[in-house]
Amino acid sequence: MSTMDLVIHAERVVTPDGIADRVIGVRGGRIAAVEPAHGFSSMSAGASDVVRLGEDEVLLPGLVDTHVHVNEPGRTEWEGFDTATRAAAAGGVTTIIDMPLNSLPPTVDVPSLAVKRAAAEGRVHVDVGFWGGAVPGNVAELPRLHSAGVFGFKCFLLDSGVPEFPPLTHFELADALRVVRERDALMIVHAEDAETIDAAPPSCGRRYRDFLASRPARAENVAIAAVIELARRTGARVHVLHLSSAGALPLIADAKAEGLAITAETCPHYLAFHAEAIPDGATPFKCCPPIREDANRDALWRGLADGTIDYVVSDHSPCVADLKHLETGDFGGAWGGVAGLQLGLPAVWTEASRRGHGLTDVVRWMARGPADLVGLTSKGRIAVGADADLCVFAFQESFTVDARQLAHRNPVTPYHGCGLTGTVRATWLRGRRVTGEDPHGTLLTRGGP
């Protein structure tokens, strides 16, 4: 065996076969060996860097977050590639896929993709890929974006919140899905029904229950039923974003049983928080779809456990503090989005461990699952041949979130003041330690760098 660049020994390594005492050898940015602990001495001989983890630490594969709004260029004051990817690494996330909005221009054609890639070049601390956008009038652009390497296409079925990224009608979505199917591409959908929300009481003022009533669960259920029917008619692959309504779980489960190519995600904030505990005026909790009741949260956990929900990603959607209307606490006027990219792992682990789930479950939900969906089969696992994307997780260490200490650009998050369990102590990207000072991430394309 030739000399390794990096050797890590941990008594707890989360592998595809479970948690075991293992030695990991890294060469050329990839995992070259995963061996029992007795191989440590021979493997570490001559290695450039040798690391022994503590008894309270677990080695995890780097997480993969396929739902991040970086907002650069155009709204870089909300976030940006430097701050977003530093926050990702600090939270054990080594790969993100950037959403096609709220940047200016949105990623709806090849020139706008080039603008976004230029903004990210040389400034990313983790690996970064890109989604394309499906908006009215750009169906002819989808094949070109697909050829340029986007990981799929995002659409809305109602107002996105920014005028430059309008929603698709069901007829327009059907047309886009036919193009997607021809290329075996993926359509990811913000599924809320506009008519249902238009008929609901409008959101205004400080009461969270009024905001919740303005985005009823029925809006998700109706929209998801429509997406399922379009998937059935077109044969396209579809993915339901940020599921918050547990009422849609039977629809998704039945569609999967039917053999339709449908998957779904949920987010840490839907699993960690519940509506009854959100104070009036606490606009950092505002997101769309909203955080729902505690019984709904319990049902989401069951859907995750039984595989109806495929994985968990952040939907990191930050903004400047002024847009959250912190002084007035007006839910009607506040920007809808949760900033939580750095905190997804401890947020999920805190609640998962309380409910009897293990770190192998968390890795499946937050690393391998999202990686596999977008075709990044060298990500999200500790196995020979995989990218040496790794993080050290102190799974028993508790802390209180201080938004001012996060790497996110703006110190606004609903997690501020929350007590969480599990801290990330180190992160490696392709075998190199991520320090936040030396951006060495790669811009990814579907099928290759």
Protein backbone atom coordinates (compact mmCIF):
# COMPACT_ATOMS: atom_id res chain seq x y z
CA MET A 1 0.00 0.00 0.00
CA SER A 2 1.45 3.37 -1.03
CA THR A 3 1.69 6.24 1.43
CA MET A 4 -1.52 7.96 2.45
CA ASP A 5 -2.06 11.71 2.49
CA LEU A 6 -4.34 11.51 5.51
CA VAL A 7 -5.12 8.74 8.00
CA ILE A 8 -7.94 9.02 10.54
CA HIS A 9 -8.66 6.53 13.29
CA ALA A 10 -12.01 6.69 15.07
CA GLU A 11 -13.65 4.25 17.41
CA ARG A 12 -16.95 5.26 15.84
CA VAL A 13 -17.12 5.62 12.06
CA VAL A 14 -20.50 5.73 10.32
CA THR A 15 -20.06 3.45 7.32
CA PRO A 16 -22.65 2.01 4.92
CA ASP A 17 -22.53 -1.15 7.07
CA GLY A 18 -23.10 0.64 10.37
CA ILE A 19 -20.95 2.19 13.09
CA ALA A 20 -17.58 0.54 13.61
CA ASP A 21 -14.03 1.12 14.88
CA ARG A 22 -12.18 1.92 11.67
CA VAL A 23 -9.08 3.49 10.15
CA ILE A 24 -9.67 5.64 7.09
CA GLY A 25 -6.90 6.21 4.58
CA VAL A 26 -7.10 9.07 2.08
CA ARG A 27 -5.05 9.51 -1.05
CA GLY A 28 -5.54 12.04 -3.83
CA GLY A 29 -8.74 13.40 -2.33
CA ARG A 30 -10.51 10.04 -2.20
CA ILE A 31 -10.94 7.36 0.42
CA ALA A 32 -8.38 4.71 -0.44
CA ALA A 33 -8.89 2.36 2.50
CA VAL A 34 -11.40 1.59 5.25
CA GLU A 35 -9.81 -0.95 7.57
CA PRO A 36 -10.23 -2.39 11.08
CA ALA A 37 -8.45 -0.53 13.84
CA HIS A 38 -5.50 -2.94 14.01
CA GLY A 39 -4.34 -1.58 10.64
CA PHE A 40 -3.69 1.88 12.04
CA SER A 41 0.07 1.54 12.54
CA SER A 42 0.83 0.20 9.07
CA MET A 43 -1.51 2.60 7.31
CA SER A 44 -0.27 5.68 9.16
CA ALA A 45 3.41 4.97 8.43
CA GLY A 46 4.68 7.82 6.30
CA ALA A 47 1.27 9.50 6.06
CA SER A 48 1.35 13.27 5.66
CA ASP A 49 -1.31 13.79 8.32
CA VAL A 50 -2.50 11.41 11.04
CA VAL A 51 -5.55 12.10 13.19
CA ARG A 52 -6.93 10.14 16.14
CA LEU A 53 -10.46 11.06 17.14
CA GLY A 54 -11.45 11.33 20.78
CA GLU A 55 -13.73 8.89 22.57
CA ASP A 56 -16.59 11.39 22.38
CA GLU A 57 -16.25 11.90 18.61
CA VAL A 58 -17.80 10.16 15.61
CA LEU A 59 -16.53 10.33 12.04
CA LEU A 60 -19.36 11.04 9.60
CA PRO A 61 -19.37 11.48 5.85
CA GLY A 62 -19.75 15.12 4.89
CA LEU A 63 -23.41 16.04 4.60
CA VAL A 64 -25.01 16.92 1.26
CA ASP A 65 -27.51 19.80 1.25
CA THR A 66 -29.39 20.04 -2.03
CA HIS A 67 -31.56 23.00 -0.98
CA VAL A 68 -29.58 26.19 -0.32
CA HIS A 69 -30.34 29.76 -1.39
CA VAL A 70 -26.95 31.44 -1.68
CA ASN A 71 -28.48 34.60 -3.26
CA GLU A 72 -25.29 35.68 -5.04
CA PRO A 73 -25.04 37.59 -7.32
CA GLY A 74 -27.65 40.30 -6.91
CA ARG A 75 -28.67 39.81 -3.28
CA THR A 76 -25.27 39.09 -1.77
CA GLU A 77 -26.14 41.25 1.24
CA TRP A 78 -28.54 38.43 2.18
CA GLU A 79 -25.86 35.74 1.90
CA GLY A 80 -23.09 34.83 -0.58
CA PHE A 81 -20.86 31.99 -1.68
CA ASP A 82 -18.12 32.79 0.82
CA THR A 83 -20.34 33.02 3.90
CA ALA A 84 -22.76 30.27 2.87
CA THR A 85 -20.03 27.72 2.22
CA ARG A 86 -18.12 28.62 5.38
CA ALA A 87 -21.35 28.09 7.32
CA ALA A 88 -21.90 24.81 5.51
CA ALA A 89 -18.45 23.51 6.44
CA ALA A 90 -18.88 24.64 10.03
CA GLY A 91 -22.02 22.50 10.12
CA GLY A 92 -20.43 19.40 8.58
CA VAL A 93 -21.90 20.02 5.12
CA THR A 94 -19.37 19.46 2.35
CA THR A 95 -21.61 19.72 -0.73
CA ILE A 96 -24.44 22.14 -1.48
CA ILE A 97 -26.67 22.59 -4.52
CA ASP A 98 -27.65 26.22 -5.00
CA MET A 99 -31.22 27.21 -5.85
CA PRO A 100 -31.90 29.20 -9.04
CA LEU A 101 -33.53 32.10 -7.14
CA ASN A 102 -33.15 34.64 -5.20
CA SER A 103 -30.03 35.63 -7.11
CA LEU A 104 -30.09 38.25 -9.84
CA PRO A 105 -30.25 37.07 -12.53
CA PRO A 106 -32.08 33.87 -11.64
CA THR A 107 -30.58 30.73 -13.15
CA VAL A 108 -33.10 30.27 -15.96
CA ASP A 109 -30.78 30.07 -18.97
CA VAL A 110 -27.17 29.24 -19.77
CA PRO A 111 -25.87 32.84 -19.65
CA SER A 112 -27.32 33.31 -16.14
CA LEU A 113 -25.73 30.02 -15.07
CA ALA A 114 -22.40 31.33 -16.33
CA VAL A 115 -22.87 34.52 -14.30
CA LYS A 116 -23.56 32.52 -11.16
CA ARG A 117 -20.60 30.19 -11.69
CA ALA A 118 -18.34 33.22 -12.21
CA ALA A 119 -19.58 34.71 -8.92
CA ALA A 120 -18.75 31.46 -7.11
CA GLU A 121 -15.40 30.69 -8.74
CA GLY A 122 -12.55 30.65 -6.23
CA ARG A 123 -14.80 31.63 -3.32
CA VAL A 124 -16.32 28.35 -2.15
CA HIS A 125 -15.19 26.37 0.90
CA VAL A 126 -17.23 23.28 -0.02
CA ASP A 127 -18.28 21.72 -3.32
CA VAL A 128 -21.14 23.57 -5.02
CA GLY A 129 -23.55 22.54 -7.74
CA PHE A 130 -26.48 24.41 -9.27
CA TRP A 131 -30.16 23.89 -10.01
CA GLY A 132 -31.76 25.44 -13.07
CA GLY A 133 -35.08 27.21 -12.98
CA ALA A 134 -38.30 26.43 -14.85
CA VAL A 135 -40.37 29.59 -15.34
CA PRO A 136 -43.00 30.66 -17.88
CA GLY A 137 -41.49 30.98 -21.35
CA ASN A 138 -38.18 29.20 -20.78
CA VAL A 139 -39.09 25.61 -21.66
CA ALA A 140 -36.71 25.80 -24.66
CA GLU A 141 -33.87 26.69 -22.27
CA LEU A 142 -34.24 23.55 -20.17
CA PRO A 143 -32.33 21.22 -22.55
CA ARG A 144 -29.51 23.77 -22.82
CA LEU A 145 -29.27 24.12 -19.04
CA HIS A 146 -29.32 20.34 -18.71
CA SER A 147 -26.43 20.06 -21.17
CA ALA A 148 -24.57 22.75 -19.20
CA GLY A 149 -24.65 20.52 -16.11
CA VAL A 150 -27.41 21.71 -13.79
CA PHE A 151 -28.68 19.00 -11.45
CA GLY A 152 -32.34 19.49 -12.39
CA PHE A 153 -34.97 22.21 -12.47
CA LYS A 154 -36.96 24.03 -9.83
CA CYS A 155 -40.42 25.48 -10.28
CA PHE A 156 -43.10 27.12 -8.18
CA LEU A 157 -46.84 26.61 -8.37
CA LEU A 158 -47.55 29.98 -6.72
CA ASP A 159 -45.84 33.34 -6.21
CA SER A 160 -42.19 32.69 -5.33
CA GLY A 161 -41.79 35.93 -3.41
CA VAL A 162 -39.52 37.50 -6.04
CA PRO A 163 -40.94 38.88 -9.30
CA GLU A 164 -38.13 37.60 -11.54
CA PHE A 165 -39.04 33.96 -10.81
CA PRO A 166 -42.77 33.57 -11.58
CA PRO A 167 -44.75 30.35 -11.08
CA LEU A 168 -45.80 27.80 -13.66
CA THR A 169 -49.41 26.97 -14.39
CA HIS A 170 -50.27 23.28 -14.39
CA PHE A 171 -50.26 23.36 -18.21
CA GLU A 172 -46.79 24.93 -18.25
CA LEU A 173 -45.55 22.41 -15.70
CA ALA A 174 -46.85 19.56 -17.86
CA ASP A 175 -44.92 20.93 -20.85
CA ALA A 176 -41.76 21.27 -18.76
CA LEU A 177 -42.15 17.75 -17.38
CA ARG A 178 -42.27 16.30 -20.87
CA VAL A 179 -38.93 17.94 -21.63
CA VAL A 180 -37.56 16.73 -18.30
CA ARG A 181 -38.71 13.17 -18.98
CA GLU A 182 -37.00 13.09 -22.38
CA ARG A 183 -33.67 13.74 -20.66
CA ASP A 184 -34.31 11.70 -17.52
CA ALA A 185 -33.84 14.94 -15.62
CA LEU A 186 -35.44 15.89 -12.29
CA MET A 187 -38.10 18.53 -11.58
CA ILE A 188 -38.19 19.80 -8.01
CA VAL A 189 -41.40 21.56 -7.03
CA HIS A 190 -42.44 24.11 -4.46
CA ALA A 191 -45.88 22.58 -4.05
CA GLU A 192 -48.46 24.93 -2.56
CA ASP A 193 -51.75 25.65 -4.33
CA ALA A 194 -52.25 29.31 -5.14
CA GLU A 195 -56.06 29.20 -5.21
CA THR A 196 -56.24 27.59 -1.78
CA ILE A 197 -53.95 30.23 -0.31
CA ASP A 198 -55.83 33.04 -2.06
CA ALA A 199 -59.02 31.80 -0.39
CA ALA A 200 -57.40 31.67 3.07
CA PRO A 201 -57.42 34.67 5.42
CA PRO A 202 -54.46 36.94 4.65
CA SER A 203 -51.53 37.05 7.03
CA CYS A 204 -50.95 40.27 8.92
CA GLY A 205 -49.85 41.26 12.38
CA ARG A 206 -47.89 39.51 15.10
CA ARG A 207 -49.92 36.36 15.77
CA TYR A 208 -48.23 33.22 14.48
CA ARG A 209 -51.53 31.34 14.34
CA ASP A 210 -52.82 33.93 11.87
CA PHE A 211 -49.81 33.37 9.63
CA LEU A 212 -50.29 29.61 9.89
CA ALA A 213 -53.94 29.94 8.88
CA SER A 214 -52.86 31.91 5.81
CA ARG A 215 -50.84 28.92 4.51
CA PRO A 216 -53.13 25.98 5.29
CA ALA A 217 -51.96 22.39 5.00
CA ARG A 218 -54.64 21.84 2.35
CA ALA A 219 -52.64 24.09 -0.01
CA GLU A 220 -49.74 21.61 0.11
CA ASN A 221 -51.98 18.57 -0.14
CA VAL A 222 -53.86 19.88 -3.20
CA ALA A 223 -50.65 20.93 -4.97
CA ILE A 224 -48.88 17.63 -4.25
CA ALA A 225 -51.89 15.69 -5.57
CA ALA A 226 -51.67 17.73 -8.78
CA VAL A 227 -47.91 17.11 -9.10
CA ILE A 228 -48.47 13.39 -8.64
CA GLU A 229 -51.10 13.36 -11.37
CA LEU A 230 -48.77 15.20 -13.76
CA ALA A 231 -45.97 12.77 -12.94
CA ARG A 232 -48.36 9.91 -13.73
CA ARG A 233 -49.36 11.46 -17.08
CA THR A 234 -45.86 12.45 -18.23
CA GLY A 235 -43.66 9.76 -16.67
CA ALA A 236 -41.25 12.43 -15.41
CA ARG A 237 -39.19 12.29 -12.23
CA VAL A 238 -40.50 14.77 -9.65
CA HIS A 239 -39.37 15.77 -6.18
CA VAL A 240 -41.47 17.54 -3.55
CA LEU A 241 -39.53 20.27 -1.78
CA HIS A 242 -39.70 21.19 1.93
CA LEU A 243 -42.69 19.06 2.88
CA SER A 244 -44.39 20.51 5.96
CA SER A 245 -47.89 18.99 5.73
CA ALA A 246 -48.08 15.46 7.08
CA GLY A 247 -51.48 15.22 5.41
CA ALA A 248 -49.68 14.70 2.10
CA LEU A 249 -47.78 11.63 3.31
CA PRO A 250 -50.45 9.09 2.24
CA LEU A 251 -50.54 10.67 -1.23
CA ILE A 252 -46.78 10.34 -1.59
CA ALA A 253 -46.72 6.82 -0.16
CA ASP A 254 -49.44 5.68 -2.57
CA ALA A 255 -47.63 7.27 -5.52
CA LYS A 256 -44.44 5.45 -4.61
CA ALA A 257 -46.30 2.17 -4.23
CA GLU A 258 -47.75 2.74 -7.69
CA GLY A 259 -44.23 2.97 -9.05
CA LEU A 260 -44.21 6.68 -9.87
CA ALA A 261 -40.80 8.36 -9.79
CA ILE A 262 -41.54 10.68 -6.89
CA THR A 263 -39.43 11.64 -3.89
CA ALA A 264 -39.84 14.11 -1.07
CA GLU A 265 -37.74 16.04 1.41
CA THR A 266 -38.42 17.81 4.65
CA CYS A 267 -36.30 20.28 6.61
CA PRO A 268 -34.74 20.50 10.08
CA HIS A 269 -37.02 23.34 11.15
CA TYR A 270 -40.14 21.24 10.50
CA LEU A 271 -38.65 18.46 12.60
CA ALA A 272 -37.24 20.62 15.41
CA PHE A 273 -39.98 23.22 15.98
CA HIS A 274 -43.76 23.21 16.26
CA ALA A 275 -46.36 25.94 15.94
CA GLU A 276 -47.61 25.84 19.53
CA ALA A 277 -44.16 26.91 20.81
CA ILE A 278 -43.55 29.79 18.36
CA PRO A 279 -44.06 33.15 20.10
CA ASP A 280 -46.12 35.86 18.50
CA GLY A 281 -43.90 38.35 16.70
CA ALA A 282 -41.07 35.81 16.26
CA THR A 283 -40.66 36.41 12.54
CA PRO A 284 -37.34 34.48 12.18
CA PHE A 285 -39.62 31.40 12.26
CA LYS A 286 -41.56 32.52 9.19
CA CYS A 287 -41.10 30.20 6.23
CA CYS A 288 -43.28 28.95 3.40
CA PRO A 289 -44.75 26.42 3.78
CA PRO A 290 -44.95 27.11 7.50
CA ILE A 291 -43.91 25.23 10.60
CA ARG A 292 -47.06 23.38 11.68
CA GLU A 293 -48.47 21.84 14.84
CA ASP A 294 -46.75 19.34 17.14
CA ALA A 295 -48.95 16.42 16.04
CA ASN A 296 -48.02 17.22 12.44
CA ARG A 297 -44.35 17.21 13.40
CA ASP A 298 -44.72 13.76 14.97
CA ALA A 299 -46.27 12.49 11.73
CA LEU A 300 -43.39 13.93 9.68
CA TRP A 301 -40.95 11.99 11.86
CA ARG A 302 -42.95 8.82 11.21
CA GLY A 303 -42.88 9.54 7.48
CA LEU A 304 -39.14 9.96 7.63
CA ALA A 305 -38.71 6.74 9.58
CA ASP A 306 -40.80 4.67 7.17
CA GLY A 307 -39.18 6.09 4.03
CA THR A 308 -42.11 8.10 2.69
CA ILE A 309 -39.90 11.16 3.16
CA ASP A 310 -36.57 10.47 1.51
CA TYR A 311 -34.23 12.92 3.16
CA VAL A 312 -33.66 16.15 5.11
CA VAL A 313 -32.10 19.36 3.76
CA SER A 314 -31.93 22.89 5.10
CA ASP A 315 -33.87 25.13 2.69
CA HIS A 316 -31.46 27.79 3.92
CA SER A 317 -33.18 31.01 2.83
CA PRO A 318 -31.63 33.94 4.68
CA CYS A 319 -32.16 37.68 4.32
CA VAL A 320 -31.03 40.93 5.90
CA ALA A 321 -32.48 41.62 9.34
CA ASP A 322 -34.69 44.48 8.12
CA LEU A 323 -36.66 42.13 5.89
CA LYS A 324 -37.67 40.05 8.90
CA HIS A 325 -39.46 43.07 10.45
CA LEU A 326 -37.96 42.22 13.81
CA GLU A 327 -39.08 45.48 15.44
CA THR A 328 -42.74 45.11 14.55
CA GLY A 329 -42.96 41.30 14.48
CA ASP A 330 -45.32 41.53 11.53
CA PHE A 331 -45.61 38.08 9.97
CA GLY A 332 -47.50 39.46 7.00
CA GLY A 333 -44.68 41.69 5.85
CA ALA A 334 -41.66 39.62 6.91
CA TRP A 335 -39.55 37.66 4.44
CA GLY A 336 -40.37 33.97 4.53
CA GLY A 337 -37.27 31.87 4.99
CA VAL A 338 -35.25 30.12 7.71
CA ALA A 339 -31.50 30.57 8.05
CA GLY A 340 -30.14 27.29 9.36
CA LEU A 341 -27.48 25.84 7.06
CA GLN A 342 -24.88 25.59 9.83
CA LEU A 343 -27.27 24.06 12.34
CA GLY A 344 -29.09 21.33 10.44
CA LEU A 345 -27.04 18.43 11.80
CA PRO A 346 -27.35 19.25 15.52
CA ALA A 347 -30.99 20.28 15.09
CA VAL A 348 -31.93 16.97 13.52
CA TRP A 349 -29.69 14.91 15.80
CA THR A 350 -31.09 16.53 18.96
CA GLU A 351 -34.63 15.50 18.08
CA ALA A 352 -33.72 12.24 16.32
CA SER A 353 -31.81 10.88 19.32
CA ARG A 354 -34.70 11.79 21.60
CA ARG A 355 -36.98 9.72 19.37
CA GLY A 356 -34.69 6.67 19.32
CA HIS A 357 -32.97 7.18 15.97
CA GLY A 358 -29.22 6.73 15.52
CA LEU A 359 -26.50 8.47 13.61
CA THR A 360 -26.76 5.90 10.82
CA ASP A 361 -30.30 7.19 10.24
CA VAL A 362 -29.16 10.81 10.26
CA VAL A 363 -26.39 10.05 7.74
CA ARG A 364 -28.88 8.28 5.49
CA TRP A 365 -31.25 11.26 5.65
CA MET A 366 -28.68 14.07 5.39
CA ALA A 367 -25.76 12.65 3.41
CA ARG A 368 -26.31 9.56 1.29
CA GLY A 369 -29.99 10.17 0.49
CA PRO A 370 -29.64 13.62 -1.07
CA ALA A 371 -26.36 12.65 -2.75
CA ASP A 372 -27.94 9.67 -4.44
CA LEU A 373 -30.97 11.62 -5.64
CA VAL A 374 -28.85 14.09 -7.59
CA GLY A 375 -26.39 11.47 -8.83
CA LEU A 376 -23.43 12.35 -6.62
CA THR A 377 -22.60 8.74 -5.90
CA SER A 378 -19.09 9.58 -4.65
CA LYS A 379 -20.58 11.79 -1.92
CA GLY A 380 -22.35 11.13 1.34
CA ARG A 381 -20.64 7.87 2.35
CA ILE A 382 -17.45 6.60 3.93
CA ALA A 383 -16.40 3.89 1.48
CA VAL A 384 -13.41 3.11 -0.71
CA GLY A 385 -13.51 5.27 -3.82
CA ALA A 386 -15.73 7.95 -2.35
CA ASP A 387 -14.61 11.56 -2.04
CA ALA A 388 -12.84 12.10 1.28
CA ASP A 389 -15.51 14.50 2.53
CA LEU A 390 -15.63 13.93 6.28
CA CYS A 391 -16.66 15.59 9.50
CA VAL A 392 -15.92 15.02 13.18
CA PHE A 393 -19.09 15.15 15.25
CA ALA A 394 -19.06 15.37 19.04
CA PHE A 395 -22.45 13.74 19.38
CA GLN A 396 -22.93 14.28 23.12
CA GLU A 397 -21.71 17.86 23.42
CA SER A 398 -24.48 20.36 24.10
CA PHE A 399 -24.45 24.06 23.29
CA THR A 400 -26.72 27.09 23.11
CA VAL A 401 -27.04 28.73 19.71
CA ASP A 402 -25.78 32.30 19.49
CA ALA A 403 -26.71 33.68 16.09
CA ARG A 404 -23.83 36.17 16.30
CA GLN A 405 -21.32 33.30 16.34
CA LEU A 406 -22.59 31.64 13.16
CA ALA A 407 -20.82 31.96 9.83
CA HIS A 408 -24.05 33.03 8.09
CA ARG A 409 -23.84 36.60 6.80
CA ASN A 410 -26.77 37.87 8.89
CA PRO A 411 -27.27 36.90 12.55
CA VAL A 412 -30.97 36.07 12.19
CA THR A 413 -32.18 32.53 12.85
CA PRO A 414 -35.03 30.90 14.77
CA TYR A 415 -32.43 28.67 16.42
CA HIS A 416 -30.98 31.60 18.41
CA GLY A 417 -31.06 30.69 22.09
CA CYS A 418 -31.95 27.05 21.44
CA GLY A 419 -30.12 24.31 23.29
CA LEU A 420 -28.88 21.68 20.85
CA THR A 421 -26.80 18.54 21.12
CA GLY A 422 -23.89 17.71 18.82
CA THR A 423 -21.08 19.93 17.59
CA VAL A 424 -18.94 19.71 14.47
CA ARG A 425 -15.28 19.93 15.44
CA ALA A 426 -13.58 19.44 12.08
CA THR A 427 -14.46 19.08 8.40
CA TRP A 428 -12.42 17.77 5.48
CA LEU A 429 -13.24 18.34 1.82
CA ARG A 430 -11.55 15.85 -0.51
CA GLY A 431 -9.05 15.11 2.25
CA ARG A 432 -8.13 18.74 3.02
CA ARG A 433 -9.16 20.39 6.27
CA VAL A 434 -11.64 23.23 5.77
CA THR A 435 -10.50 26.20 7.84
CA GLY A 436 -12.64 29.00 6.44
CA GLU A 437 -9.48 30.78 5.29
CA ASP A 438 -8.56 28.78 2.19
CA PRO A 439 -11.51 28.21 -0.15
CA HIS A 440 -10.76 25.02 -2.08
CA GLY A 441 -14.22 23.83 -3.05
CA THR A 442 -15.06 22.67 -6.57
CA LEU A 443 -17.92 23.84 -8.78
CA LEU A 444 -19.82 20.71 -9.70
CA THR A 445 -21.72 19.78 -12.83
CA ARG A 446 -24.08 16.88 -13.23
CA GLY A 447 -21.93 13.92 -14.13
CA GLY A 448 -18.60 15.50 -13.15
CA PRO A 449 -16.78 18.57 -11.72
